[in-house]
Amino acid sequence: MASKHTSAAPIAVRHGLARVLSKLGICSRTEAAKWIEAGRVSVNGRVVRNSESPVLRGVDRLAVDGVEIGEGRRRYLMLNKPRGLVTSAQDDQGRDTVYRCFDGAGLGWIAPVGRLDKASEGLLLFSNDPEWAARITAPDTGPRKTYHVQVDRIPDAALLGRLVAGTVVDEEQLSAASVSILRHGDKNAWLEVALDEGRNRQIRRLLAAFDIGVLRLVRVAIGPLLLGDLPKGGWRELSPQEMIALSPDARRGGHGAA
């Protein structure tokens, strides 16, 4: 007699409460942990004060301050970051942050996707979708980033080649995917620099290793997404077409002109 075969049902996976709140796009994981510790979060009607308490997303009923929450609206934004703003939600030195650009917009919690340092400017993405943000910033799945960089000298072809070959700085191998001269004057030049991975202050550190000073640094593209004519401090939502173009399945590459 043949035995009857039945396929096993998929096993539901539980995750920590703070992580689930973050994945829902409600707040950051750090903020969620504070809410939980303060007794503001309940699961299935019971207040939970342990941020690692396991919950089943989409099954367990979650509430903050008595208001039940579900999957929030996903937001995907681009900002033309002005120079002088810090890429963080708060700054312990009291400096202005990029969130000043969103004052009064009522967007809820959003987080930067990648970073630009205080002295840098240009295209910066924001989202409340941590999984999408991780794909955009991951070296193996993220799109190429393109920058226009004003430098204090006019590099020759040999020096441009050395920037692509790279060098070790502070025990890190730093290099550019490509470097070319956009235009130059008598004493300085504008370079187009493309990166396939984002390390902390990578372009500034790489150029400094070759005694090249940076006068201005502007990110002009992330993959096929161009900064374009978005005004400084201005922001807008990404279109569905732009979201598809930024996906890991799309062709990876940078753009020349902004």
C-alpha atoms as a PDB file:
ATOM      1  CA  MET A   1       0.000   0.000   0.000  1.00  0.00           C
ATOM      2  CA  ALA A   2       1.476   3.301  -1.081  1.00  0.00           C
ATOM      3  CA  SER A   3       2.041   5.815   1.670  1.00  0.00           C
ATOM      4  CA  LYS A   4       0.291   9.138   1.374  1.00  0.00           C
ATOM      5  CA  HIS A   5       2.728  12.055   1.025  1.00  0.00           C
ATOM      6  CA  THR A   6       1.813  15.476   2.306  1.00  0.00           C
ATOM      7  CA  SER A   7       4.080  18.489   1.982  1.00  0.00           C
ATOM      8  CA  ALA A   8       4.919  20.270   5.183  1.00  0.00           C
ATOM      9  CA  ALA A   9       3.535  23.743   5.655  1.00  0.00           C
ATOM     10  CA  PRO A  10       6.130  26.511   5.724  1.00  0.00           C
ATOM     11  CA  ILE A  11       7.349  27.329   9.212  1.00  0.00           C
ATOM     12  CA  ALA A  12       6.463  30.827  10.337  1.00  0.00           C
ATOM     13  CA  VAL A  13       9.488  32.779  11.520  1.00  0.00           C
ATOM     14  CA  ARG A  14       9.289  35.060  14.518  1.00  0.00           C
ATOM     15  CA  HIS A  15      11.524  38.089  14.955  1.00  0.00           C
ATOM     16  CA  GLY A  16      12.253  40.484  17.787  1.00  0.00           C
ATOM     17  CA  LEU A  17       9.601  43.123  18.409  1.00  0.00           C
ATOM     18  CA  ALA A  18      11.886  46.109  17.814  1.00  0.00           C
ATOM     19  CA  ARG A  19      13.093  44.626  14.532  1.00  0.00           C
ATOM     20  CA  VAL A  20       9.534  44.010  13.343  1.00  0.00           C
ATOM     21  CA  LEU A  21       8.483  47.590  14.111  1.00  0.00           C
ATOM     22  CA  SER A  22      11.478  48.810  12.101  1.00  0.00           C
ATOM     23  CA  LYS A  23      10.694  46.471   9.193  1.00  0.00           C
ATOM     24  CA  LEU A  24       7.136  47.813   9.135  1.00  0.00           C
ATOM     25  CA  GLY A  25       8.573  51.271   8.469  1.00  0.00           C
ATOM     26  CA  ILE A  26       7.132  52.686  11.690  1.00  0.00           C
ATOM     27  CA  CYS A  27      10.418  53.873  13.211  1.00  0.00           C
ATOM     28  CA  SER A  28      14.068  52.956  13.549  1.00  0.00           C
ATOM     29  CA  ARG A  29      15.014  49.901  15.593  1.00  0.00           C
ATOM     30  CA  THR A  30      16.655  52.141  18.196  1.00  0.00           C
ATOM     31  CA  GLU A  31      13.521  54.257  18.553  1.00  0.00           C
ATOM     32  CA  ALA A  32      11.358  51.114  18.712  1.00  0.00           C
ATOM     33  CA  ALA A  33      13.443  49.798  21.607  1.00  0.00           C
ATOM     34  CA  LYS A  34      12.837  53.060  23.505  1.00  0.00           C
ATOM     35  CA  TRP A  35       9.091  52.858  22.889  1.00  0.00           C
ATOM     36  CA  ILE A  36       9.027  49.251  24.091  1.00  0.00           C
ATOM     37  CA  GLU A  37      11.033  50.012  27.232  1.00  0.00           C
ATOM     38  CA  ALA A  38       8.637  52.887  27.998  1.00  0.00           C
ATOM     39  CA  GLY A  39       5.658  50.514  27.850  1.00  0.00           C
ATOM     40  CA  ARG A  40       4.115  52.139  24.762  1.00  0.00           C
ATOM     41  CA  VAL A  41       3.964  48.938  22.686  1.00  0.00           C
ATOM     42  CA  SER A  42       1.541  46.041  23.090  1.00  0.00           C
ATOM     43  CA  VAL A  43       1.335  42.673  21.361  1.00  0.00           C
ATOM     44  CA  ASN A  44      -2.104  41.061  21.113  1.00  0.00           C
ATOM     45  CA  GLY A  45      -3.369  43.482  23.768  1.00  0.00           C
ATOM     46  CA  ARG A  46      -0.552  42.873  26.261  1.00  0.00           C
ATOM     47  CA  VAL A  47       2.162  45.454  26.953  1.00  0.00           C
ATOM     48  CA  VAL A  48       5.615  44.087  26.138  1.00  0.00           C
ATOM     49  CA  ARG A  49       8.773  45.711  27.507  1.00  0.00           C
ATOM     50  CA  ASN A  50      11.369  43.398  25.944  1.00  0.00           C
ATOM     51  CA  SER A  51      12.531  44.612  22.532  1.00  0.00           C
ATOM     52  CA  GLU A  52      13.687  41.069  21.648  1.00  0.00           C
ATOM     53  CA  SER A  53      10.331  39.487  22.479  1.00  0.00           C
ATOM     54  CA  PRO A  54       9.479  37.271  19.448  1.00  0.00           C
ATOM     55  CA  VAL A  55       6.473  38.238  17.359  1.00  0.00           C
ATOM     56  CA  LEU A  56       5.052  36.996  14.079  1.00  0.00           C
ATOM     57  CA  ARG A  57       4.788  39.794  11.556  1.00  0.00           C
ATOM     58  CA  GLY A  58       1.373  39.973   9.911  1.00  0.00           C
ATOM     59  CA  VAL A  59      -0.184  37.640  12.503  1.00  0.00           C
ATOM     60  CA  ASP A  60       0.358  39.164  15.930  1.00  0.00           C
ATOM     61  CA  ARG A  61      -1.554  42.397  16.564  1.00  0.00           C
ATOM     62  CA  LEU A  62       0.819  45.269  17.357  1.00  0.00           C
ATOM     63  CA  ALA A  63      -0.174  48.606  18.843  1.00  0.00           C
ATOM     64  CA  VAL A  64       1.665  51.775  19.864  1.00  0.00           C
ATOM     65  CA  ASP A  65      -0.016  53.970  22.473  1.00  0.00           C
ATOM     66  CA  GLY A  66      -3.150  51.857  22.028  1.00  0.00           C
ATOM     67  CA  VAL A  67      -3.343  52.441  18.268  1.00  0.00           C
ATOM     68  CA  GLU A  68      -3.054  49.270  16.204  1.00  0.00           C
ATOM     69  CA  ILE A  69      -0.468  49.420  13.437  1.00  0.00           C
ATOM     70  CA  GLY A  70       0.136  47.458  10.269  1.00  0.00           C
ATOM     71  CA  GLU A  71       2.256  47.774   7.181  1.00  0.00           C
ATOM     72  CA  GLY A  72       2.908  51.506   6.795  1.00  0.00           C
ATOM     73  CA  ARG A  73       3.121  53.299   3.476  1.00  0.00           C
ATOM     74  CA  ARG A  74       6.544  52.742   1.986  1.00  0.00           C
ATOM     75  CA  ARG A  75       8.382  55.931   1.075  1.00  0.00           C
ATOM     76  CA  TYR A  76      11.301  56.283  -1.323  1.00  0.00           C
ATOM     77  CA  LEU A  77      12.691  59.804  -1.646  1.00  0.00           C
ATOM     78  CA  MET A  78      15.606  61.637  -3.205  1.00  0.00           C
ATOM     79  CA  LEU A  79      17.106  64.817  -1.756  1.00  0.00           C
ATOM     80  CA  ASN A  80      19.618  67.292  -3.155  1.00  0.00           C
ATOM     81  CA  LYS A  81      21.670  67.580   0.023  1.00  0.00           C
ATOM     82  CA  PRO A  82      23.206  71.030   0.555  1.00  0.00           C
ATOM     83  CA  ARG A  83      26.760  71.342   1.796  1.00  0.00           C
ATOM     84  CA  GLY A  84      27.067  71.869   5.569  1.00  0.00           C
ATOM     85  CA  LEU A  85      24.314  69.502   6.733  1.00  0.00           C
ATOM     86  CA  VAL A  86      25.051  66.359   8.733  1.00  0.00           C
ATOM     87  CA  THR A  87      23.560  63.067   7.503  1.00  0.00           C
ATOM     88  CA  SER A  88      21.951  61.941  10.754  1.00  0.00           C
ATOM     89  CA  ALA A  89      18.694  62.365  12.630  1.00  0.00           C
ATOM     90  CA  GLN A  90      20.354  64.164  15.542  1.00  0.00           C
ATOM     91  CA  ASP A  91      23.778  65.651  16.078  1.00  0.00           C
ATOM     92  CA  ASP A  92      25.391  65.785  19.506  1.00  0.00           C
ATOM     93  CA  GLN A  93      27.252  68.947  18.490  1.00  0.00           C
ATOM     94  CA  GLY A  94      24.038  70.773  17.630  1.00  0.00           C
ATOM     95  CA  ARG A  95      24.792  71.039  13.912  1.00  0.00           C
ATOM     96  CA  ASP A  96      21.991  71.242  11.335  1.00  0.00           C
ATOM     97  CA  THR A  97      21.042  67.870   9.841  1.00  0.00           C
ATOM     98  CA  VAL A  98      19.554  66.797   6.518  1.00  0.00           C
ATOM     99  CA  TYR A  99      16.161  66.428   8.224  1.00  0.00           C
ATOM    100  CA  ARG A 100      15.877  70.213   8.168  1.00  0.00           C
ATOM    101  CA  CYS A 101      15.019  69.833   4.471  1.00  0.00           C
ATOM    102  CA  PHE A 102      11.868  67.844   5.392  1.00  0.00           C
ATOM    103  CA  ASP A 103      10.506  70.244   8.027  1.00  0.00           C
ATOM    104  CA  GLY A 104       6.704  70.410   7.939  1.00  0.00           C
ATOM    105  CA  ALA A 105       6.345  67.639   5.329  1.00  0.00           C
ATOM    106  CA  GLY A 106       4.750  65.122   7.734  1.00  0.00           C
ATOM    107  CA  LEU A 107       6.636  62.174   6.238  1.00  0.00           C
ATOM    108  CA  GLY A 108       6.924  60.139   9.416  1.00  0.00           C
ATOM    109  CA  TRP A 109      10.065  58.134  10.066  1.00  0.00           C
ATOM    110  CA  ILE A 110      12.515  57.948   7.166  1.00  0.00           C
ATOM    111  CA  ALA A 111      16.220  57.122   7.216  1.00  0.00           C
ATOM    112  CA  PRO A 112      19.121  57.985   4.907  1.00  0.00           C
ATOM    113  CA  VAL A 113      20.095  55.282   2.430  1.00  0.00           C
ATOM    114  CA  GLY A 114      23.864  55.607   2.557  1.00  0.00           C
ATOM    115  CA  ARG A 115      25.609  58.813   3.578  1.00  0.00           C
ATOM    116  CA  LEU A 116      27.211  62.012   2.394  1.00  0.00           C
ATOM    117  CA  ASP A 117      29.586  63.763   4.783  1.00  0.00           C
ATOM    118  CA  LYS A 118      28.960  67.303   5.993  1.00  0.00           C
ATOM    119  CA  ALA A 119      31.149  68.949   3.330  1.00  0.00           C
ATOM    120  CA  SER A 120      29.656  66.903   0.468  1.00  0.00           C
ATOM    121  CA  GLU A 121      26.460  67.599  -1.426  1.00  0.00           C
ATOM    122  CA  GLY A 122      24.120  66.130  -4.006  1.00  0.00           C
ATOM    123  CA  LEU A 123      21.948  63.058  -4.399  1.00  0.00           C
ATOM    124  CA  LEU A 124      20.930  61.329  -1.175  1.00  0.00           C
ATOM    125  CA  LEU A 125      18.174  58.721  -0.871  1.00  0.00           C
ATOM    126  CA  PHE A 126      15.775  58.259   2.058  1.00  0.00           C
ATOM    127  CA  SER A 127      13.296  55.492   2.842  1.00  0.00           C
ATOM    128  CA  ASN A 128      11.341  53.785   5.617  1.00  0.00           C
ATOM    129  CA  ASP A 129      11.981  50.419   3.963  1.00  0.00           C
ATOM    130  CA  PRO A 130      15.104  48.927   5.638  1.00  0.00           C
ATOM    131  CA  GLU A 131      15.230  45.884   3.352  1.00  0.00           C
ATOM    132  CA  TRP A 132      15.267  48.036   0.199  1.00  0.00           C
ATOM    133  CA  ALA A 133      17.853  50.352   1.754  1.00  0.00           C
ATOM    134  CA  ALA A 134      20.120  47.387   2.517  1.00  0.00           C
ATOM    135  CA  ARG A 135      19.987  46.263  -1.119  1.00  0.00           C
ATOM    136  CA  ILE A 136      20.851  49.750  -2.371  1.00  0.00           C
ATOM    137  CA  THR A 137      23.868  50.104  -0.075  1.00  0.00           C
ATOM    138  CA  ALA A 138      25.192  46.536  -0.362  1.00  0.00           C
ATOM    139  CA  PRO A 139      28.414  46.343  -2.454  1.00  0.00           C
ATOM    140  CA  ASP A 140      27.222  43.258  -4.355  1.00  0.00           C
ATOM    141  CA  THR A 141      23.687  44.456  -5.194  1.00  0.00           C
ATOM    142  CA  GLY A 142      23.821  48.250  -4.953  1.00  0.00           C
ATOM    143  CA  PRO A 143      24.075  50.480  -8.022  1.00  0.00           C
ATOM    144  CA  ARG A 144      27.192  52.420  -8.967  1.00  0.00           C
ATOM    145  CA  LYS A 145      27.479  55.935  -7.490  1.00  0.00           C
ATOM    146  CA  THR A 146      28.790  58.788  -9.622  1.00  0.00           C
ATOM    147  CA  TYR A 147      30.354  62.010  -8.320  1.00  0.00           C
ATOM    148  CA  HIS A 148      31.617  65.273  -9.764  1.00  0.00           C
ATOM    149  CA  VAL A 149      34.666  66.370  -7.797  1.00  0.00           C
ATOM    150  CA  GLN A 150      36.533  69.674  -8.083  1.00  0.00           C
ATOM    151  CA  VAL A 151      40.212  69.170  -7.218  1.00  0.00           C
ATOM    152  CA  ASP A 152      43.128  71.519  -6.671  1.00  0.00           C
ATOM    153  CA  ARG A 153      45.280  70.261  -9.543  1.00  0.00           C
ATOM    154  CA  ILE A 154      45.026  68.861 -13.066  1.00  0.00           C
ATOM    155  CA  PRO A 155      45.773  65.131 -12.941  1.00  0.00           C
ATOM    156  CA  ASP A 156      47.498  63.538 -15.926  1.00  0.00           C
ATOM    157  CA  ALA A 157      46.488  60.203 -17.463  1.00  0.00           C
ATOM    158  CA  ALA A 158      48.999  58.278 -15.342  1.00  0.00           C
ATOM    159  CA  LEU A 159      47.571  59.687 -12.110  1.00  0.00           C
ATOM    160  CA  LEU A 160      44.009  58.914 -13.185  1.00  0.00           C
ATOM    161  CA  GLY A 161      45.109  55.333 -13.779  1.00  0.00           C
ATOM    162  CA  ARG A 162      46.631  55.117 -10.305  1.00  0.00           C
ATOM    163  CA  LEU A 163      43.330  56.252  -8.770  1.00  0.00           C
ATOM    164  CA  VAL A 164      41.558  53.362 -10.493  1.00  0.00           C
ATOM    165  CA  ALA A 165      44.297  50.897  -9.513  1.00  0.00           C
ATOM    166  CA  GLY A 166      43.901  52.141  -5.939  1.00  0.00           C
ATOM    167  CA  THR A 167      46.039  52.107  -2.846  1.00  0.00           C
ATOM    168  CA  VAL A 168      45.887  51.065   0.806  1.00  0.00           C
ATOM    169  CA  VAL A 169      44.767  53.786   3.234  1.00  0.00           C
ATOM    170  CA  ASP A 170      44.495  53.001   6.953  1.00  0.00           C
ATOM    171  CA  GLU A 171      44.627  49.287   6.148  1.00  0.00           C
ATOM    172  CA  GLU A 172      41.764  49.604   3.630  1.00  0.00           C
ATOM    173  CA  GLN A 173      42.122  49.059  -0.104  1.00  0.00           C
ATOM    174  CA  LEU A 174      40.577  52.142  -1.730  1.00  0.00           C
ATOM    175  CA  SER A 175      40.021  52.618  -5.455  1.00  0.00           C
ATOM    176  CA  ALA A 176      37.618  54.145  -7.945  1.00  0.00           C
ATOM    177  CA  ALA A 177      35.694  52.176 -10.553  1.00  0.00           C
ATOM    178  CA  SER A 178      36.488  54.917 -13.079  1.00  0.00           C
ATOM    179  CA  VAL A 179      37.909  58.454 -13.126  1.00  0.00           C
ATOM    180  CA  SER A 180      37.899  60.979 -15.959  1.00  0.00           C
ATOM    181  CA  ILE A 181      38.400  64.729 -16.388  1.00  0.00           C
ATOM    182  CA  LEU A 182      35.207  66.638 -17.131  1.00  0.00           C
ATOM    183  CA  ARG A 183      36.852  70.051 -17.591  1.00  0.00           C
ATOM    184  CA  HIS A 184      39.744  72.045 -16.200  1.00  0.00           C
ATOM    185  CA  GLY A 185      41.119  75.549 -15.833  1.00  0.00           C
ATOM    186  CA  ASP A 186      44.656  76.703 -15.240  1.00  0.00           C
ATOM    187  CA  LYS A 187      44.993  75.355 -11.690  1.00  0.00           C
ATOM    188  CA  ASN A 188      42.133  72.981 -10.941  1.00  0.00           C
ATOM    189  CA  ALA A 189      39.868  70.454 -12.600  1.00  0.00           C
ATOM    190  CA  TRP A 190      36.486  68.779 -12.288  1.00  0.00           C
ATOM    191  CA  LEU A 191      36.665  64.990 -12.242  1.00  0.00           C
ATOM    192  CA  GLU A 192      33.944  62.419 -12.681  1.00  0.00           C
ATOM    193  CA  VAL A 193      34.522  59.613 -10.190  1.00  0.00           C
ATOM    194  CA  ALA A 194      32.457  56.411 -10.050  1.00  0.00           C
ATOM    195  CA  LEU A 195      32.381  54.014  -7.079  1.00  0.00           C
ATOM    196  CA  ASP A 196      31.036  50.482  -6.884  1.00  0.00           C
ATOM    197  CA  GLU A 197      31.182  50.449  -3.085  1.00  0.00           C
ATOM    198  CA  GLY A 198      30.832  53.102  -0.433  1.00  0.00           C
ATOM    199  CA  ARG A 199      33.463  53.294   2.270  1.00  0.00           C
ATOM    200  CA  ASN A 200      33.687  56.128   4.786  1.00  0.00           C
ATOM    201  CA  ARG A 201      34.869  59.328   3.002  1.00  0.00           C
ATOM    202  CA  GLN A 202      36.260  57.079   0.297  1.00  0.00           C
ATOM    203  CA  ILE A 203      36.857  59.656  -2.441  1.00  0.00           C
ATOM    204  CA  ARG A 204      38.432  62.242  -0.137  1.00  0.00           C
ATOM    205  CA  ARG A 205      40.743  59.656   1.433  1.00  0.00           C
ATOM    206  CA  LEU A 206      41.707  58.155  -1.924  1.00  0.00           C
ATOM    207  CA  LEU A 207      42.521  61.525  -3.463  1.00  0.00           C
ATOM    208  CA  ALA A 208      44.420  62.663  -0.377  1.00  0.00           C
ATOM    209  CA  ALA A 209      46.629  59.576  -0.653  1.00  0.00           C
ATOM    210  CA  PHE A 210      47.814  60.966  -3.994  1.00  0.00           C
ATOM    211  CA  ASP A 211      48.186  64.546  -2.680  1.00  0.00           C
ATOM    212  CA  ILE A 212      45.016  65.730  -4.418  1.00  0.00           C
ATOM    213  CA  GLY A 213      42.874  68.198  -2.462  1.00  0.00           C
ATOM    214  CA  VAL A 214      39.089  68.251  -2.812  1.00  0.00           C
ATOM    215  CA  LEU A 215      37.484  71.673  -3.281  1.00  0.00           C
ATOM    216  CA  ARG A 216      33.939  70.430  -3.869  1.00  0.00           C
ATOM    217  CA  LEU A 217      32.261  67.029  -4.038  1.00  0.00           C
ATOM    218  CA  VAL A 218      28.794  66.448  -5.511  1.00  0.00           C
ATOM    219  CA  ARG A 219      27.047  63.089  -5.952  1.00  0.00           C
ATOM    220  CA  VAL A 220      25.243  63.359  -9.273  1.00  0.00           C
ATOM    221  CA  ALA A 221      23.887  59.843  -9.845  1.00  0.00           C
ATOM    222  CA  ILE A 222      23.034  56.566  -8.163  1.00  0.00           C
ATOM    223  CA  GLY A 223      22.904  53.981 -10.927  1.00  0.00           C
ATOM    224  CA  PRO A 224      20.532  55.409 -13.566  1.00  0.00           C
ATOM    225  CA  LEU A 225      18.957  57.858 -11.112  1.00  0.00           C
ATOM    226  CA  LEU A 226      20.226  61.371 -11.870  1.00  0.00           C
ATOM    227  CA  LEU A 227      20.254  64.373  -9.552  1.00  0.00           C
ATOM    228  CA  GLY A 228      19.169  66.453 -12.525  1.00  0.00           C
ATOM    229  CA  ASP A 229      17.742  69.895 -11.844  1.00  0.00           C
ATOM    230  CA  LEU A 230      16.417  69.163  -8.348  1.00  0.00           C
ATOM    231  CA  PRO A 231      17.164  72.380  -6.403  1.00  0.00           C
ATOM    232  CA  LYS A 232      19.464  72.358  -3.381  1.00  0.00           C
ATOM    233  CA  GLY A 233      17.518  71.329  -0.319  1.00  0.00           C
ATOM    234  CA  GLY A 234      14.697  70.083  -2.547  1.00  0.00           C
ATOM    235  CA  TRP A 235      13.290  66.563  -2.471  1.00  0.00           C
ATOM    236  CA  ARG A 236      10.797  64.394  -4.302  1.00  0.00           C
ATOM    237  CA  GLU A 237       9.443  60.841  -4.287  1.00  0.00           C
ATOM    238  CA  LEU A 238      10.902  58.292  -6.671  1.00  0.00           C
ATOM    239  CA  SER A 239       8.688  57.136  -9.523  1.00  0.00           C
ATOM    240  CA  PRO A 240       7.835  53.428 -10.019  1.00  0.00           C
ATOM    241  CA  GLN A 241      10.073  53.440 -13.093  1.00  0.00           C
ATOM    242  CA  GLU A 242      12.991  54.769 -11.047  1.00  0.00           C
ATOM    243  CA  MET A 243      12.393  52.122  -8.393  1.00  0.00           C
ATOM    244  CA  ILE A 244      12.572  49.384 -11.023  1.00  0.00           C
ATOM    245  CA  ALA A 245      15.726  50.877 -12.536  1.00  0.00           C
ATOM    246  CA  LEU A 246      17.433  50.840  -9.109  1.00  0.00           C
ATOM    247  CA  SER A 247      16.587  47.199  -8.451  1.00  0.00           C
ATOM    248  CA  PRO A 248      19.447  44.636  -8.301  1.00  0.00           C
ATOM    249  CA  ASP A 249      18.101  42.990 -11.480  1.00  0.00           C
ATOM    250  CA  ALA A 250      18.577  46.195 -13.466  1.00  0.00           C
ATOM    251  CA  ARG A 251      21.807  46.722 -15.334  1.00  0.00           C
ATOM    252  CA  ARG A 252      24.488  48.117 -13.076  1.00  0.00           C
ATOM    253  CA  GLY A 253      26.168  51.289 -14.286  1.00  0.00           C
ATOM    254  CA  GLY A 254      26.757  54.992 -13.841  1.00  0.00           C
ATOM    255  CA  HIS A 255      25.923  58.044 -15.914  1.00  0.00           C
ATOM    256  CA  GLY A 256      28.263  60.604 -17.296  1.00  0.00           C
ATOM    257  CA  ALA A 257      26.622  64.004 -17.088  1.00  0.00           C
ATOM    258  CA  ALA A 258      24.357  65.289 -14.363  1.00  0.00           C
END
